[in-house]
Amino acid sequence: LYSPQGDVRVTSSFFRQIDPLRRLLMGPGPINVHPRVLRAMSADMLGQFDPEMTGYMNETMSLYRQVFMTRNHWTFLVDGTARAGIEAAMVSLVEPGSRVLIVRAGRFGLLLSEIAERLGADIRTLDLPWGEVATPDQIEEALKAHRPQVFACIHGDTSTTMAQPLEGVGALCRKYDVLSYVDATATLGGVPVCVDQWEIDVVSGGLQKCMGGPPGSAPITISDRAAEFIMSRRHVEAGIRGTDQTNGGRSRIPSNYFDLAMIMDYWSEKRLNHHTEASTMLYGARKRHGSCWRKGWEARLLVTEAPVER
């Protein structure tokens, strides 16, 4: 690439074309993506405020309410892999110095602690041997003992393959006036994630596991009570702030990119500019839901719950 004189020489065939042999991906993610989804992702770009694009955004919100089994208005995509959804949820719910109760029974429970520590939270934990799940009684005892502002846990921890039962957990959190967050990256699209039934405030996931999509987009859903709290931390960028936009009264969310208040404004009818929407990922997320829905979402879930004969 460099000549003895130090100038750069441009080569036209230094690397071969990207054309990997097809593999059967059987790991925890990424997995094989349906050809229909890949074709949808090759569609032409649209401007992020093009009426056709904002129409696709609204349709995606509606489609993913079905995936999360919720009526939450604030159901949309965070641009980035599943961890972007986790970080966006945590950074928007956890204020510096606030108390957070985290269930830790595998690698990703420890990840929640890592993120909360970076946010300056007062971390309390319900620690279990890897491969075990917390009972409702254990969760309630921890809520009573620690009195946190936020409760966080993993629905399905990839490191242990165990799914944390969540029936009644949201109700317990509301009983003690605690906001609840659940990471459903490994379970969304594979087992029922009953957000409204479980009364969980914020749930995030990813496309690259049971959803069978490409990594790079994190579906998220937010309850009205959580949205009210997040908007109380709202800070509109100076360059787009109009006379009708006001900041919230609580501490500003410390991340700009993962600021759910700004992302919610972006997905709202206000369409306040936040980032350039990852159009190809939105196409893929929208199509991934549609490919599942063609056969019926409940039928898809039944496949993952069917016993395997050996």
C-alpha atoms as a PDB file:
ATOM      1  CA  LEU A   1       0.000   0.000   0.000  1.00  0.00           C
ATOM      2  CA  TYR A   2       2.950   2.375   0.532  1.00  0.00           C
ATOM      3  CA  SER A   3       5.761   3.169  -1.897  1.00  0.00           C
ATOM      4  CA  PRO A   4       9.351   3.847  -0.804  1.00  0.00           C
ATOM      5  CA  GLN A   5       8.595   7.537  -1.307  1.00  0.00           C
ATOM      6  CA  GLY A   6       5.824   7.297   1.283  1.00  0.00           C
ATOM      7  CA  ASP A   7       2.884   7.956  -1.019  1.00  0.00           C
ATOM      8  CA  VAL A   8      -0.211   5.748  -0.922  1.00  0.00           C
ATOM      9  CA  ARG A   9      -0.873   3.392  -3.792  1.00  0.00           C
ATOM     10  CA  VAL A  10      -4.512   2.488  -4.389  1.00  0.00           C
ATOM     11  CA  THR A  11      -5.161  -1.127  -5.337  1.00  0.00           C
ATOM     12  CA  SER A  12      -8.368  -2.285  -6.977  1.00  0.00           C
ATOM     13  CA  SER A  13      -8.313  -6.012  -6.155  1.00  0.00           C
ATOM     14  CA  PHE A  14      -6.518  -6.338  -2.832  1.00  0.00           C
ATOM     15  CA  PHE A  15      -9.423  -8.123  -1.140  1.00  0.00           C
ATOM     16  CA  ARG A  16     -11.818 -10.636  -2.629  1.00  0.00           C
ATOM     17  CA  GLN A  17     -15.546  -9.955  -2.786  1.00  0.00           C
ATOM     18  CA  ILE A  18     -17.627 -10.775   0.286  1.00  0.00           C
ATOM     19  CA  ASP A  19     -19.317 -14.056  -0.594  1.00  0.00           C
ATOM     20  CA  PRO A  20     -19.180 -16.427   2.411  1.00  0.00           C
ATOM     21  CA  LEU A  21     -20.216 -20.040   2.001  1.00  0.00           C
ATOM     22  CA  ARG A  22     -23.614 -20.630   3.554  1.00  0.00           C
ATOM     23  CA  ARG A  23     -23.343 -22.048   7.050  1.00  0.00           C
ATOM     24  CA  LEU A  24     -25.944 -23.465   9.415  1.00  0.00           C
ATOM     25  CA  LEU A  25     -25.562 -21.215  12.447  1.00  0.00           C
ATOM     26  CA  MET A  26     -26.524 -23.096  15.604  1.00  0.00           C
ATOM     27  CA  GLY A  27     -25.019 -20.812  18.241  1.00  0.00           C
ATOM     28  CA  PRO A  28     -26.879 -18.399  20.527  1.00  0.00           C
ATOM     29  CA  GLY A  29     -26.759 -15.667  17.886  1.00  0.00           C
ATOM     30  CA  PRO A  30     -26.452 -14.582  15.202  1.00  0.00           C
ATOM     31  CA  ILE A  31     -28.481 -17.224  13.410  1.00  0.00           C
ATOM     32  CA  ASN A  32     -29.458 -17.698   9.782  1.00  0.00           C
ATOM     33  CA  VAL A  33     -31.644 -14.908   8.446  1.00  0.00           C
ATOM     34  CA  HIS A  34     -34.586 -15.663   6.159  1.00  0.00           C
ATOM     35  CA  PRO A  35     -33.941 -14.699   2.506  1.00  0.00           C
ATOM     36  CA  ARG A  36     -37.093 -12.536   2.515  1.00  0.00           C
ATOM     37  CA  VAL A  37     -35.578 -10.434   5.281  1.00  0.00           C
ATOM     38  CA  LEU A  38     -32.285 -10.064   3.430  1.00  0.00           C
ATOM     39  CA  ARG A  39     -34.158  -9.031   0.284  1.00  0.00           C
ATOM     40  CA  ALA A  40     -36.131  -6.427   2.246  1.00  0.00           C
ATOM     41  CA  MET A  41     -32.867  -5.039   3.604  1.00  0.00           C
ATOM     42  CA  SER A  42     -31.593  -4.463   0.060  1.00  0.00           C
ATOM     43  CA  ALA A  43     -34.412  -2.009  -0.723  1.00  0.00           C
ATOM     44  CA  ASP A  44     -33.511   1.561  -1.656  1.00  0.00           C
ATOM     45  CA  MET A  45     -32.741   4.130   1.023  1.00  0.00           C
ATOM     46  CA  LEU A  46     -35.361   6.642   2.081  1.00  0.00           C
ATOM     47  CA  GLY A  47     -34.875   9.949   3.846  1.00  0.00           C
ATOM     48  CA  GLN A  48     -35.612   9.580   7.546  1.00  0.00           C
ATOM     49  CA  PHE A  49     -38.457  12.116   7.371  1.00  0.00           C
ATOM     50  CA  ASP A  50     -39.868  10.884   4.072  1.00  0.00           C
ATOM     51  CA  PRO A  51     -43.592  10.159   4.684  1.00  0.00           C
ATOM     52  CA  GLU A  52     -43.061   6.622   3.387  1.00  0.00           C
ATOM     53  CA  MET A  53     -40.245   6.083   5.904  1.00  0.00           C
ATOM     54  CA  THR A  54     -42.173   7.481   8.855  1.00  0.00           C
ATOM     55  CA  GLY A  55     -45.056   5.273   7.767  1.00  0.00           C
ATOM     56  CA  TYR A  56     -42.773   2.247   7.996  1.00  0.00           C
ATOM     57  CA  MET A  57     -41.691   3.426  11.463  1.00  0.00           C
ATOM     58  CA  ASN A  58     -45.312   3.623  12.638  1.00  0.00           C
ATOM     59  CA  GLU A  59     -46.039   0.186  11.175  1.00  0.00           C
ATOM     60  CA  THR A  60     -43.004  -1.250  12.962  1.00  0.00           C
ATOM     61  CA  MET A  61     -44.253   0.154  16.269  1.00  0.00           C
ATOM     62  CA  SER A  62     -47.593  -1.554  15.714  1.00  0.00           C
ATOM     63  CA  LEU A  63     -46.039  -4.863  14.666  1.00  0.00           C
ATOM     64  CA  TYR A  64     -43.752  -5.071  17.686  1.00  0.00           C
ATOM     65  CA  ARG A  65     -46.599  -4.444  20.086  1.00  0.00           C
ATOM     66  CA  GLN A  66     -47.761  -7.879  18.958  1.00  0.00           C
ATOM     67  CA  VAL A  67     -44.319  -9.372  19.614  1.00  0.00           C
ATOM     68  CA  PHE A  68     -44.199  -7.918  23.134  1.00  0.00           C
ATOM     69  CA  MET A  69     -47.901  -8.700  23.720  1.00  0.00           C
ATOM     70  CA  THR A  70     -48.530  -5.132  24.839  1.00  0.00           C
ATOM     71  CA  ARG A  71     -50.603  -2.056  24.154  1.00  0.00           C
ATOM     72  CA  ASN A  72     -47.722   0.238  25.112  1.00  0.00           C
ATOM     73  CA  HIS A  73     -47.630   3.194  22.754  1.00  0.00           C
ATOM     74  CA  TRP A  74     -43.862   3.502  23.196  1.00  0.00           C
ATOM     75  CA  THR A  75     -42.807   0.368  21.364  1.00  0.00           C
ATOM     76  CA  PHE A  76     -40.058   0.957  18.812  1.00  0.00           C
ATOM     77  CA  LEU A  77     -36.469   0.135  17.814  1.00  0.00           C
ATOM     78  CA  VAL A  78     -33.166   1.305  19.267  1.00  0.00           C
ATOM     79  CA  ASP A  79     -30.501   1.348  16.561  1.00  0.00           C
ATOM     80  CA  GLY A  80     -27.757  -1.036  17.654  1.00  0.00           C
ATOM     81  CA  THR A  81     -27.461  -4.649  18.732  1.00  0.00           C
ATOM     82  CA  ALA A  82     -29.435  -6.023  21.679  1.00  0.00           C
ATOM     83  CA  ARG A  83     -26.948  -4.509  24.098  1.00  0.00           C
ATOM     84  CA  ALA A  84     -27.894  -1.060  22.800  1.00  0.00           C
ATOM     85  CA  GLY A  85     -31.424  -1.709  24.066  1.00  0.00           C
ATOM     86  CA  ILE A  86     -30.093  -2.854  27.439  1.00  0.00           C
ATOM     87  CA  GLU A  87     -27.891   0.199  27.821  1.00  0.00           C
ATOM     88  CA  ALA A  88     -30.618   2.590  26.645  1.00  0.00           C
ATOM     89  CA  ALA A  89     -33.022   1.178  29.229  1.00  0.00           C
ATOM     90  CA  MET A  90     -30.537   1.261  32.078  1.00  0.00           C
ATOM     91  CA  VAL A  91     -29.089   4.705  31.336  1.00  0.00           C
ATOM     92  CA  SER A  92     -32.592   6.185  31.026  1.00  0.00           C
ATOM     93  CA  LEU A  93     -34.023   4.589  34.189  1.00  0.00           C
ATOM     94  CA  VAL A  94     -31.045   4.720  36.562  1.00  0.00           C
ATOM     95  CA  GLU A  95     -30.065   8.089  38.015  1.00  0.00           C
ATOM     96  CA  PRO A  96     -26.682   8.644  39.685  1.00  0.00           C
ATOM     97  CA  GLY A  97     -26.913   7.485  43.286  1.00  0.00           C
ATOM     98  CA  SER A  98     -30.286   5.800  42.839  1.00  0.00           C
ATOM     99  CA  ARG A  99     -30.703   2.313  44.244  1.00  0.00           C
ATOM    100  CA  VAL A 100     -30.983  -0.579  41.801  1.00  0.00           C
ATOM    101  CA  LEU A 101     -31.856  -4.181  42.668  1.00  0.00           C
ATOM    102  CA  ILE A 102     -30.452  -6.696  40.174  1.00  0.00           C
ATOM    103  CA  VAL A 103     -31.078 -10.441  39.992  1.00  0.00           C
ATOM    104  CA  ARG A 104     -27.780 -12.155  39.171  1.00  0.00           C
ATOM    105  CA  ALA A 105     -27.859 -15.823  38.209  1.00  0.00           C
ATOM    106  CA  GLY A 106     -25.670 -15.818  35.102  1.00  0.00           C
ATOM    107  CA  ARG A 107     -23.326 -13.757  32.965  1.00  0.00           C
ATOM    108  CA  PHE A 108     -25.872 -11.181  31.849  1.00  0.00           C
ATOM    109  CA  GLY A 109     -27.104 -10.410  35.330  1.00  0.00           C
ATOM    110  CA  LEU A 110     -23.500  -9.446  35.986  1.00  0.00           C
ATOM    111  CA  LEU A 111     -23.621  -7.265  32.864  1.00  0.00           C
ATOM    112  CA  LEU A 112     -26.525  -5.303  34.363  1.00  0.00           C
ATOM    113  CA  SER A 113     -24.351  -4.685  37.443  1.00  0.00           C
ATOM    114  CA  GLU A 114     -21.493  -3.536  35.191  1.00  0.00           C
ATOM    115  CA  ILE A 115     -23.717  -0.989  33.460  1.00  0.00           C
ATOM    116  CA  ALA A 116     -25.315   0.200  36.715  1.00  0.00           C
ATOM    117  CA  GLU A 117     -21.873   0.637  38.288  1.00  0.00           C
ATOM    118  CA  ARG A 118     -20.761   2.844  35.382  1.00  0.00           C
ATOM    119  CA  LEU A 119     -23.889   4.941  35.967  1.00  0.00           C
ATOM    120  CA  GLY A 120     -22.964   5.561  39.591  1.00  0.00           C
ATOM    121  CA  ALA A 121     -25.894   3.584  40.987  1.00  0.00           C
ATOM    122  CA  ASP A 122     -26.260   2.225  44.506  1.00  0.00           C
ATOM    123  CA  ILE A 123     -26.320  -1.451  43.525  1.00  0.00           C
ATOM    124  CA  ARG A 124     -28.049  -4.135  45.556  1.00  0.00           C
ATOM    125  CA  THR A 125     -28.205  -7.707  44.292  1.00  0.00           C
ATOM    126  CA  LEU A 126     -30.173 -10.902  44.615  1.00  0.00           C
ATOM    127  CA  ASP A 127     -27.420 -13.421  43.909  1.00  0.00           C
ATOM    128  CA  LEU A 128     -28.240 -17.005  43.009  1.00  0.00           C
ATOM    129  CA  PRO A 129     -26.133 -19.944  41.816  1.00  0.00           C
ATOM    130  CA  TRP A 130     -25.837 -19.905  38.035  1.00  0.00           C
ATOM    131  CA  GLY A 131     -28.661 -21.952  36.555  1.00  0.00           C
ATOM    132  CA  GLU A 132     -31.201 -21.129  39.270  1.00  0.00           C
ATOM    133  CA  VAL A 133     -34.094 -18.655  39.077  1.00  0.00           C
ATOM    134  CA  ALA A 134     -35.524 -16.330  41.692  1.00  0.00           C
ATOM    135  CA  THR A 135     -38.874 -17.095  43.273  1.00  0.00           C
ATOM    136  CA  PRO A 136     -41.530 -14.395  43.792  1.00  0.00           C
ATOM    137  CA  ASP A 137     -40.968 -14.644  47.539  1.00  0.00           C
ATOM    138  CA  GLN A 138     -37.226 -14.061  47.119  1.00  0.00           C
ATOM    139  CA  ILE A 139     -37.867 -11.059  44.886  1.00  0.00           C
ATOM    140  CA  GLU A 140     -40.390  -9.548  47.297  1.00  0.00           C
ATOM    141  CA  GLU A 141     -38.066 -10.028  50.261  1.00  0.00           C
ATOM    142  CA  ALA A 142     -35.275  -8.277  48.354  1.00  0.00           C
ATOM    143  CA  LEU A 143     -37.598  -5.418  47.354  1.00  0.00           C
ATOM    144  CA  LYS A 144     -38.643  -4.950  50.981  1.00  0.00           C
ATOM    145  CA  ALA A 145     -35.080  -5.175  52.275  1.00  0.00           C
ATOM    146  CA  HIS A 146     -33.435  -2.818  49.769  1.00  0.00           C
ATOM    147  CA  ARG A 147     -36.268  -0.449  48.702  1.00  0.00           C
ATOM    148  CA  PRO A 148     -34.770   0.255  45.245  1.00  0.00           C
ATOM    149  CA  GLN A 149     -35.937   2.754  42.655  1.00  0.00           C
ATOM    150  CA  VAL A 150     -35.312   0.265  39.817  1.00  0.00           C
ATOM    151  CA  PHE A 151     -35.506  -3.530  39.627  1.00  0.00           C
ATOM    152  CA  ALA A 152     -33.658  -5.256  36.758  1.00  0.00           C
ATOM    153  CA  CYS A 153     -33.294  -8.856  35.660  1.00  0.00           C
ATOM    154  CA  ILE A 154     -32.635 -11.094  32.674  1.00  0.00           C
ATOM    155  CA  HIS A 155     -35.547 -13.104  31.289  1.00  0.00           C
ATOM    156  CA  GLY A 156     -33.421 -15.737  29.552  1.00  0.00           C
ATOM    157  CA  ASP A 157     -29.707 -15.810  30.356  1.00  0.00           C
ATOM    158  CA  THR A 158     -27.717 -17.227  27.437  1.00  0.00           C
ATOM    159  CA  SER A 159     -24.969 -18.452  29.767  1.00  0.00           C
ATOM    160  CA  THR A 160     -27.298 -20.775  31.685  1.00  0.00           C
ATOM    161  CA  THR A 161     -30.232 -21.315  29.246  1.00  0.00           C
ATOM    162  CA  MET A 162     -32.622 -20.673  32.152  1.00  0.00           C
ATOM    163  CA  ALA A 163     -35.712 -18.447  31.876  1.00  0.00           C
ATOM    164  CA  GLN A 164     -36.625 -16.346  34.898  1.00  0.00           C
ATOM    165  CA  PRO A 165     -40.386 -16.640  35.662  1.00  0.00           C
ATOM    166  CA  LEU A 166     -41.910 -13.144  35.577  1.00  0.00           C
ATOM    167  CA  GLU A 167     -45.549 -13.719  36.447  1.00  0.00           C
ATOM    168  CA  GLY A 168     -46.352 -11.359  39.306  1.00  0.00           C
ATOM    169  CA  VAL A 169     -42.951  -9.630  39.287  1.00  0.00           C
ATOM    170  CA  GLY A 170     -44.253  -6.397  37.774  1.00  0.00           C
ATOM    171  CA  ALA A 171     -47.092  -6.296  40.290  1.00  0.00           C
ATOM    172  CA  LEU A 172     -44.598  -6.664  43.137  1.00  0.00           C
ATOM    173  CA  CYS A 173     -42.524  -3.806  41.762  1.00  0.00           C
ATOM    174  CA  ARG A 174     -45.598  -1.584  41.505  1.00  0.00           C
ATOM    175  CA  LYS A 175     -46.600  -2.551  45.037  1.00  0.00           C
ATOM    176  CA  TYR A 176     -43.292  -1.101  46.289  1.00  0.00           C
ATOM    177  CA  ASP A 177     -43.264   1.804  43.784  1.00  0.00           C
ATOM    178  CA  VAL A 178     -40.301   0.414  41.834  1.00  0.00           C
ATOM    179  CA  LEU A 179     -39.721   0.708  38.089  1.00  0.00           C
ATOM    180  CA  SER A 180     -38.983  -2.667  36.482  1.00  0.00           C
ATOM    181  CA  TYR A 181     -36.699  -3.541  33.582  1.00  0.00           C
ATOM    182  CA  VAL A 182     -36.274  -6.925  31.878  1.00  0.00           C
ATOM    183  CA  ASP A 183     -33.774  -7.923  29.202  1.00  0.00           C
ATOM    184  CA  ALA A 184     -35.531 -10.416  26.906  1.00  0.00           C
ATOM    185  CA  THR A 185     -32.808 -10.649  24.254  1.00  0.00           C
ATOM    186  CA  ALA A 186     -32.593 -14.444  24.338  1.00  0.00           C
ATOM    187  CA  THR A 187     -36.315 -15.133  24.655  1.00  0.00           C
ATOM    188  CA  LEU A 188     -38.158 -12.609  22.474  1.00  0.00           C
ATOM    189  CA  GLY A 189     -39.840 -14.499  19.660  1.00  0.00           C
ATOM    190  CA  GLY A 190     -39.072 -17.881  21.201  1.00  0.00           C
ATOM    191  CA  VAL A 191     -41.296 -17.955  24.270  1.00  0.00           C
ATOM    192  CA  PRO A 192     -44.196 -15.676  25.214  1.00  0.00           C
ATOM    193  CA  VAL A 193     -43.013 -12.301  26.507  1.00  0.00           C
ATOM    194  CA  CYS A 194     -46.269 -11.090  28.073  1.00  0.00           C
ATOM    195  CA  VAL A 195     -45.388  -7.506  28.903  1.00  0.00           C
ATOM    196  CA  ASP A 196     -48.874  -6.300  29.812  1.00  0.00           C
ATOM    197  CA  GLN A 197     -49.800  -9.445  31.713  1.00  0.00           C
ATOM    198  CA  TRP A 198     -46.571  -9.321  33.719  1.00  0.00           C
ATOM    199  CA  GLU A 199     -46.841  -5.520  34.219  1.00  0.00           C
ATOM    200  CA  ILE A 200     -43.161  -4.982  33.447  1.00  0.00           C
ATOM    201  CA  ASP A 201     -42.309  -1.333  32.765  1.00  0.00           C
ATOM    202  CA  VAL A 202     -39.491  -1.657  30.223  1.00  0.00           C
ATOM    203  CA  VAL A 203     -38.524  -4.712  28.175  1.00  0.00           C
ATOM    204  CA  SER A 204     -35.853  -4.818  25.483  1.00  0.00           C
ATOM    205  CA  GLY A 205     -34.749  -7.533  23.090  1.00  0.00           C
ATOM    206  CA  GLY A 206     -32.807  -8.225  19.929  1.00  0.00           C
ATOM    207  CA  LEU A 207     -33.374  -9.657  16.473  1.00  0.00           C
ATOM    208  CA  GLN A 208     -30.419 -12.031  16.263  1.00  0.00           C
ATOM    209  CA  LYS A 209     -31.660 -14.863  18.460  1.00  0.00           C
ATOM    210  CA  CYS A 210     -35.185 -16.349  18.500  1.00  0.00           C
ATOM    211  CA  MET A 211     -36.465 -13.582  16.245  1.00  0.00           C
ATOM    212  CA  GLY A 212     -34.228 -14.952  13.484  1.00  0.00           C
ATOM    213  CA  GLY A 213     -33.144 -11.570  12.203  1.00  0.00           C
ATOM    214  CA  PRO A 214     -29.829  -9.785  11.743  1.00  0.00           C
ATOM    215  CA  PRO A 215     -28.012  -8.189  14.682  1.00  0.00           C
ATOM    216  CA  GLY A 216     -28.195  -4.411  14.707  1.00  0.00           C
ATOM    217  CA  SER A 217     -31.649  -3.482  15.977  1.00  0.00           C
ATOM    218  CA  ALA A 218     -33.048  -3.677  19.519  1.00  0.00           C
ATOM    219  CA  PRO A 219     -36.846  -3.704  19.928  1.00  0.00           C
ATOM    220  CA  ILE A 220     -37.996  -2.045  23.155  1.00  0.00           C
ATOM    221  CA  THR A 221     -41.324  -1.339  24.844  1.00  0.00           C
ATOM    222  CA  ILE A 222     -41.998   1.173  27.605  1.00  0.00           C
ATOM    223  CA  SER A 223     -45.009   1.511  29.911  1.00  0.00           C
ATOM    224  CA  ASP A 224     -46.735   4.847  30.450  1.00  0.00           C
ATOM    225  CA  ARG A 225     -45.392   5.135  34.008  1.00  0.00           C
ATOM    226  CA  ALA A 226     -41.837   4.468  32.846  1.00  0.00           C
ATOM    227  CA  ALA A 227     -42.278   6.897  29.933  1.00  0.00           C
ATOM    228  CA  GLU A 228     -43.378   9.597  32.382  1.00  0.00           C
ATOM    229  CA  PHE A 229     -40.237   9.036  34.462  1.00  0.00           C
ATOM    230  CA  ILE A 230     -37.965   9.007  31.398  1.00  0.00           C
ATOM    231  CA  MET A 231     -39.519  12.230  30.101  1.00  0.00           C
ATOM    232  CA  SER A 232     -38.860  13.836  33.505  1.00  0.00           C
ATOM    233  CA  ARG A 233     -35.157  13.417  32.589  1.00  0.00           C
ATOM    234  CA  ARG A 234     -35.679  14.840  29.093  1.00  0.00           C
ATOM    235  CA  HIS A 235     -33.100  17.246  27.679  1.00  0.00           C
ATOM    236  CA  VAL A 236     -33.658  18.559  24.156  1.00  0.00           C
ATOM    237  CA  GLU A 237     -30.492  19.351  22.221  1.00  0.00           C
ATOM    238  CA  ALA A 238     -29.923  23.093  21.834  1.00  0.00           C
ATOM    239  CA  GLY A 239     -29.680  22.850  18.054  1.00  0.00           C
ATOM    240  CA  ILE A 240     -33.227  21.506  17.671  1.00  0.00           C
ATOM    241  CA  ARG A 241     -34.942  22.990  20.730  1.00  0.00           C
ATOM    242  CA  GLY A 242     -37.952  25.100  19.887  1.00  0.00           C
ATOM    243  CA  THR A 243     -40.035  27.350  22.089  1.00  0.00           C
ATOM    244  CA  ASP A 244     -42.532  24.536  22.596  1.00  0.00           C
ATOM    245  CA  GLN A 245     -39.921  22.044  23.911  1.00  0.00           C
ATOM    246  CA  THR A 246     -39.008  22.025  27.581  1.00  0.00           C
ATOM    247  CA  ASN A 247     -36.547  19.971  29.588  1.00  0.00           C
ATOM    248  CA  GLY A 248     -37.539  17.704  32.442  1.00  0.00           C
ATOM    249  CA  GLY A 249     -36.905  18.544  36.073  1.00  0.00           C
ATOM    250  CA  ARG A 250     -34.831  15.489  36.994  1.00  0.00           C
ATOM    251  CA  SER A 251     -31.193  14.688  36.231  1.00  0.00           C
ATOM    252  CA  ARG A 252     -30.301  14.622  32.540  1.00  0.00           C
ATOM    253  CA  ILE A 253     -29.804  11.183  30.979  1.00  0.00           C
ATOM    254  CA  PRO A 254     -25.998  10.973  30.701  1.00  0.00           C
ATOM    255  CA  SER A 255     -25.849   9.337  27.267  1.00  0.00           C
ATOM    256  CA  ASN A 256     -26.882  11.254  24.176  1.00  0.00           C
ATOM    257  CA  TYR A 257     -27.194   8.328  21.775  1.00  0.00           C
ATOM    258  CA  PHE A 258     -28.990   6.045  24.258  1.00  0.00           C
ATOM    259  CA  ASP A 259     -31.252   8.794  25.646  1.00  0.00           C
ATOM    260  CA  LEU A 260     -34.696   7.180  25.420  1.00  0.00           C
ATOM    261  CA  ALA A 261     -36.417  10.534  25.931  1.00  0.00           C
ATOM    262  CA  MET A 262     -34.816  11.896  22.764  1.00  0.00           C
ATOM    263  CA  ILE A 263     -35.379   8.635  20.886  1.00  0.00           C
ATOM    264  CA  MET A 264     -39.066   8.744  21.895  1.00  0.00           C
ATOM    265  CA  ASP A 265     -39.318  12.294  20.540  1.00  0.00           C
ATOM    266  CA  TYR A 266     -37.737  10.999  17.336  1.00  0.00           C
ATOM    267  CA  TRP A 267     -40.314   8.199  16.976  1.00  0.00           C
ATOM    268  CA  SER A 268     -43.197  10.486  17.972  1.00  0.00           C
ATOM    269  CA  GLU A 269     -45.254  12.687  15.676  1.00  0.00           C
ATOM    270  CA  LYS A 270     -42.839  15.511  16.566  1.00  0.00           C
ATOM    271  CA  ARG A 271     -40.048  13.706  14.640  1.00  0.00           C
ATOM    272  CA  LEU A 272     -37.386  15.666  16.517  1.00  0.00           C
ATOM    273  CA  ASN A 273     -34.112  14.750  14.849  1.00  0.00           C
ATOM    274  CA  HIS A 274     -31.871  12.574  16.990  1.00  0.00           C
ATOM    275  CA  HIS A 275     -29.864  10.305  14.699  1.00  0.00           C
ATOM    276  CA  THR A 276     -30.056   9.064  11.131  1.00  0.00           C
ATOM    277  CA  GLU A 277     -32.369   6.066  11.234  1.00  0.00           C
ATOM    278  CA  ALA A 278     -30.737   2.770  10.241  1.00  0.00           C
ATOM    279  CA  SER A 279     -33.114   2.256   7.338  1.00  0.00           C
ATOM    280  CA  THR A 280     -31.917  -1.195   6.299  1.00  0.00           C
ATOM    281  CA  MET A 281     -32.263  -2.482   9.861  1.00  0.00           C
ATOM    282  CA  LEU A 282     -35.769  -1.075  10.133  1.00  0.00           C
ATOM    283  CA  TYR A 283     -36.678  -2.803   6.848  1.00  0.00           C
ATOM    284  CA  GLY A 284     -35.281  -6.053   8.240  1.00  0.00           C
ATOM    285  CA  ALA A 285     -37.030  -5.736  11.605  1.00  0.00           C
ATOM    286  CA  ARG A 286     -40.342  -4.968   9.929  1.00  0.00           C
ATOM    287  CA  LYS A 287     -39.997  -7.897   7.526  1.00  0.00           C
ATOM    288  CA  ARG A 288     -38.770 -10.270  10.239  1.00  0.00           C
ATOM    289  CA  HIS A 289     -41.998  -9.784  12.137  1.00  0.00           C
ATOM    290  CA  GLY A 290     -44.027 -10.242   8.956  1.00  0.00           C
ATOM    291  CA  SER A 291     -42.284 -13.501   8.099  1.00  0.00           C
ATOM    292  CA  CYS A 292     -43.147 -14.867  11.546  1.00  0.00           C
ATOM    293  CA  TRP A 293     -46.712 -13.583  11.389  1.00  0.00           C
ATOM    294  CA  ARG A 294     -47.441 -15.328   8.071  1.00  0.00           C
ATOM    295  CA  LYS A 295     -47.639 -18.640   9.935  1.00  0.00           C
ATOM    296  CA  GLY A 296     -49.183 -17.151  13.059  1.00  0.00           C
ATOM    297  CA  TRP A 297     -47.235 -15.824  16.003  1.00  0.00           C
ATOM    298  CA  GLU A 298     -48.772 -18.246  18.506  1.00  0.00           C
ATOM    299  CA  ALA A 299     -47.970 -21.199  16.238  1.00  0.00           C
ATOM    300  CA  ARG A 300     -44.360 -20.036  16.084  1.00  0.00           C
ATOM    301  CA  LEU A 301     -44.122 -19.952  19.865  1.00  0.00           C
ATOM    302  CA  LEU A 302     -45.623 -23.431  20.112  1.00  0.00           C
ATOM    303  CA  VAL A 303     -42.784 -24.799  17.976  1.00  0.00           C
ATOM    304  CA  THR A 304     -40.206 -23.654  20.541  1.00  0.00           C
ATOM    305  CA  GLU A 305     -42.203 -25.170  23.408  1.00  0.00           C
ATOM    306  CA  ALA A 306     -42.785 -28.563  21.759  1.00  0.00           C
ATOM    307  CA  PRO A 307     -40.948 -31.510  23.330  1.00  0.00           C
ATOM    308  CA  VAL A 308     -38.043 -32.979  21.397  1.00  0.00           C
ATOM    309  CA  GLU A 309     -38.051 -36.732  20.842  1.00  0.00           C
ATOM    310  CA  ARG A 310     -34.646 -38.354  21.042  1.00  0.00           C
END
